[in-house]
Protein backbone atom coordinates (compact mmCIF):
# COMPACT_ATOMS: atom_id res chain seq x y z
CA UNK A 1 108.17 91.68 83.83
CA UNK A 2 110.84 93.65 82.00
CA UNK A 3 114.27 95.02 82.81
CA UNK A 4 114.64 98.77 82.55
CA UNK A 5 117.33 98.37 79.91
CA UNK A 6 114.86 96.43 77.76
CA UNK A 7 112.10 99.05 77.87
CA UNK A 8 111.32 100.77 74.61
CA UNK A 9 111.10 104.56 74.69
CA UNK A 10 107.31 104.24 74.36
CA UNK A 11 107.24 101.82 77.30
CA UNK A 12 109.34 104.16 79.42
CA UNK A 13 107.04 107.05 78.56
CA UNK A 14 103.97 104.97 79.49
CA UNK A 15 105.48 104.23 82.91
CA UNK A 16 106.42 107.88 83.38
CA UNK A 17 102.90 108.98 82.52
CA UNK A 18 101.25 106.50 84.86
CA UNK A 19 103.58 107.27 87.77
CA UNK A 20 103.42 111.04 87.19
CA UNK A 21 99.61 110.92 87.32
CA UNK A 22 99.54 108.61 90.34
CA UNK A 23 102.08 110.60 92.37
CA UNK A 24 101.01 113.98 90.96
CA UNK A 25 104.62 114.99 90.18
CA UNK A 26 106.91 114.84 87.19
CA UNK A 27 108.19 111.33 87.84
CA UNK A 28 111.09 111.44 85.35
CA UNK A 29 113.75 112.70 87.81
CA UNK A 30 112.58 110.10 90.33
CA UNK A 31 112.66 107.22 87.83
CA UNK A 32 116.25 108.14 87.01
CA UNK A 33 117.23 107.34 90.62
CA UNK A 34 116.39 103.65 90.12
CA UNK A 35 119.28 102.25 88.06
CA UNK A 36 119.00 98.58 87.16
CA UNK A 37 115.28 98.49 87.89
CA UNK A 38 113.03 95.62 86.91
CA UNK A 39 109.43 96.59 86.13
CA UNK A 40 106.21 94.64 86.58
CA UNK A 41 103.45 95.90 84.31
CA UNK A 42 99.72 95.18 84.20
CA UNK A 43 97.73 95.96 81.08
CA UNK A 44 94.03 95.97 80.34
CA UNK A 45 93.19 95.88 76.62
CA UNK A 46 96.75 96.98 75.84
CA UNK A 47 96.67 99.97 78.19
CA UNK A 48 99.19 100.17 81.04
CA UNK A 49 97.02 100.31 84.16
CA UNK A 50 99.36 99.28 87.00
CA UNK A 51 103.09 99.21 87.67
CA UNK A 52 105.74 98.45 90.28
CA UNK A 53 109.50 98.13 90.09
CA UNK A 54 112.30 96.81 92.22
CA UNK A 55 115.96 97.67 92.52
CA UNK A 56 118.68 95.82 94.38
CA UNK A 57 119.59 97.41 97.69
CA UNK A 58 121.69 96.15 100.57
CA UNK A 59 119.86 96.22 103.90
CA UNK A 60 121.60 95.32 107.13
CA UNK A 61 119.84 93.69 110.05
CA UNK A 62 121.60 94.89 113.20
CA UNK A 63 125.31 94.26 112.62
CA UNK A 64 124.87 91.03 110.66
CA UNK A 65 125.99 90.63 107.02
CA UNK A 66 124.23 92.67 104.34
CA UNK A 67 121.01 91.27 102.89
CA UNK A 68 120.52 91.42 99.12
CA UNK A 69 117.14 93.13 99.05
CA UNK A 70 114.59 93.65 96.29
CA UNK A 71 113.50 97.17 97.14
CA UNK A 72 110.10 98.02 95.68
CA UNK A 73 109.32 101.45 94.29
CA UNK A 74 106.81 103.26 92.07
CA UNK A 75 103.75 101.16 92.80
CA UNK A 76 101.01 102.92 90.87
CA UNK A 77 97.61 102.19 89.35
CA UNK A 78 95.56 104.41 87.07
CA UNK A 79 92.75 105.96 89.11
CA UNK A 80 89.99 104.47 86.92
CA UNK A 81 91.40 100.98 87.53
CA UNK A 82 91.96 101.20 91.29
CA UNK A 83 90.13 98.76 93.53
CA UNK A 84 89.94 96.13 90.77
CA UNK A 85 92.91 93.95 91.82
CA UNK A 86 95.56 95.23 89.42
CA UNK A 87 98.01 96.40 92.11
CA UNK A 88 97.45 93.14 93.98
CA UNK A 89 98.24 91.16 90.83
CA UNK A 90 101.36 93.25 90.18
CA UNK A 91 102.61 92.80 93.75
CA UNK A 92 101.90 89.05 93.71
CA UNK A 93 103.83 88.69 90.46
CA UNK A 94 106.66 90.79 91.87
CA UNK A 95 106.84 88.52 94.94
CA UNK A 96 107.29 85.45 92.73
CA UNK A 97 110.03 87.19 90.73
CA UNK A 98 112.14 88.21 93.74
CA UNK A 99 112.27 84.82 95.49
CA UNK A 100 116.07 84.56 94.97
CA UNK A 101 116.67 87.70 97.06
CA UNK A 102 117.32 87.61 100.81
CA UNK A 103 114.50 90.05 101.52
CA UNK A 104 111.83 92.24 99.98
CA UNK A 105 111.35 95.79 101.30
CA UNK A 106 109.47 98.99 100.53
CA UNK A 107 108.54 102.31 102.09
CA UNK A 108 104.77 102.60 101.71
CA UNK A 109 102.45 105.57 101.75
CA UNK A 110 99.73 103.21 103.05
CA UNK A 111 99.92 99.75 104.59
CA UNK A 112 96.64 98.07 103.56
CA UNK A 113 97.54 96.52 100.20
CA UNK A 114 100.94 95.33 101.37
CA UNK A 115 99.75 93.96 104.73
CA UNK A 116 97.11 91.90 102.94
CA UNK A 117 99.89 90.35 100.83
CA UNK A 118 102.11 89.34 103.77
CA UNK A 119 104.35 92.40 104.08
CA UNK A 120 105.24 93.31 107.68
CA UNK A 121 105.88 96.72 109.23
CA UNK A 122 109.44 97.10 110.55
CA UNK A 123 109.09 98.35 114.14
CA UNK A 124 112.76 98.85 114.98
CA UNK A 125 114.82 101.97 114.36
CA UNK A 126 115.83 102.73 110.78
CA UNK A 127 119.15 104.14 109.61
CA UNK A 128 121.00 105.03 106.43
CA UNK A 129 124.65 103.96 106.25
CA UNK A 130 126.92 106.85 105.26
CA UNK A 131 130.69 107.37 105.12
CA UNK A 132 130.34 109.16 108.48
CA UNK A 133 128.35 106.37 110.17
CA UNK A 134 124.65 105.67 110.70
CA UNK A 135 122.15 108.44 109.95
CA UNK A 136 118.92 107.96 111.97
CA UNK A 137 115.72 108.18 109.91
CA UNK A 138 113.02 108.25 112.63
CA UNK A 139 110.24 109.54 110.37
CA UNK A 140 110.56 106.76 107.80
CA UNK A 141 108.42 103.61 107.64
CA UNK A 142 109.53 100.37 106.01
CA UNK A 143 107.77 97.08 105.36
CA UNK A 144 109.50 93.81 104.60
CA UNK A 145 108.49 90.64 102.82
CA UNK A 146 110.08 87.44 104.07
CA UNK A 147 111.37 85.29 101.21
CA UNK A 148 112.73 81.72 101.11
CA UNK A 149 116.28 82.98 101.83
CA UNK A 150 115.28 85.44 104.57
CA UNK A 151 117.03 84.69 107.86
CA UNK A 152 115.16 84.82 111.17
CA UNK A 153 114.37 88.48 111.82
CA UNK A 154 113.19 90.34 114.91
CA UNK A 155 111.20 93.31 113.60
CA UNK A 156 112.26 95.42 116.61
CA UNK A 157 115.98 95.29 115.72
CA UNK A 158 117.73 98.20 113.96
CA UNK A 159 117.67 98.06 110.15
CA UNK A 160 119.85 100.09 107.81
CA UNK A 161 120.18 100.71 104.09
CA UNK A 162 123.00 102.17 102.02
CA UNK A 163 122.96 105.87 101.14
CA UNK A 164 121.44 106.70 97.77
CA UNK A 165 120.48 109.80 95.84
CA UNK A 166 116.84 110.86 96.07
CA UNK A 167 114.64 109.31 98.70
CA UNK A 168 116.81 107.54 101.25
CA UNK A 169 114.27 104.78 101.91
């Protein structure tokens, strides 16, 4: 577990390479949209094989006070190491590291890994908070992880996040 500001240039390049291969895009512009990120790394024989990061976001459940949320991004595992438990180990470690947050959240491409680790699909409508009000995001999917500080949540209630550059969720 390492803060983005503590990454060496070689470490940053390793993460960029892994994520670029996994997502099949140049990941550098995307990584730049995650200021203050904390990274969880898994290595096999010194080689970076799996990664996830979280950033602090402020999700709002209905009209209640904002929830300090560890928002997970860039979950990636080298193809040759997939199916061997590395992503599971990274996500389990991440869950132990974010226990002081009010909530964990992510926008997954697939649900399987996360569901098996206790993440729940948010069923209610999703919005992004903007200066002009709430922007509906009906095509987005979000999963949450309840943490020790998570209040009682009804997964059918509206959920919103603050506006950000790049991917909104």
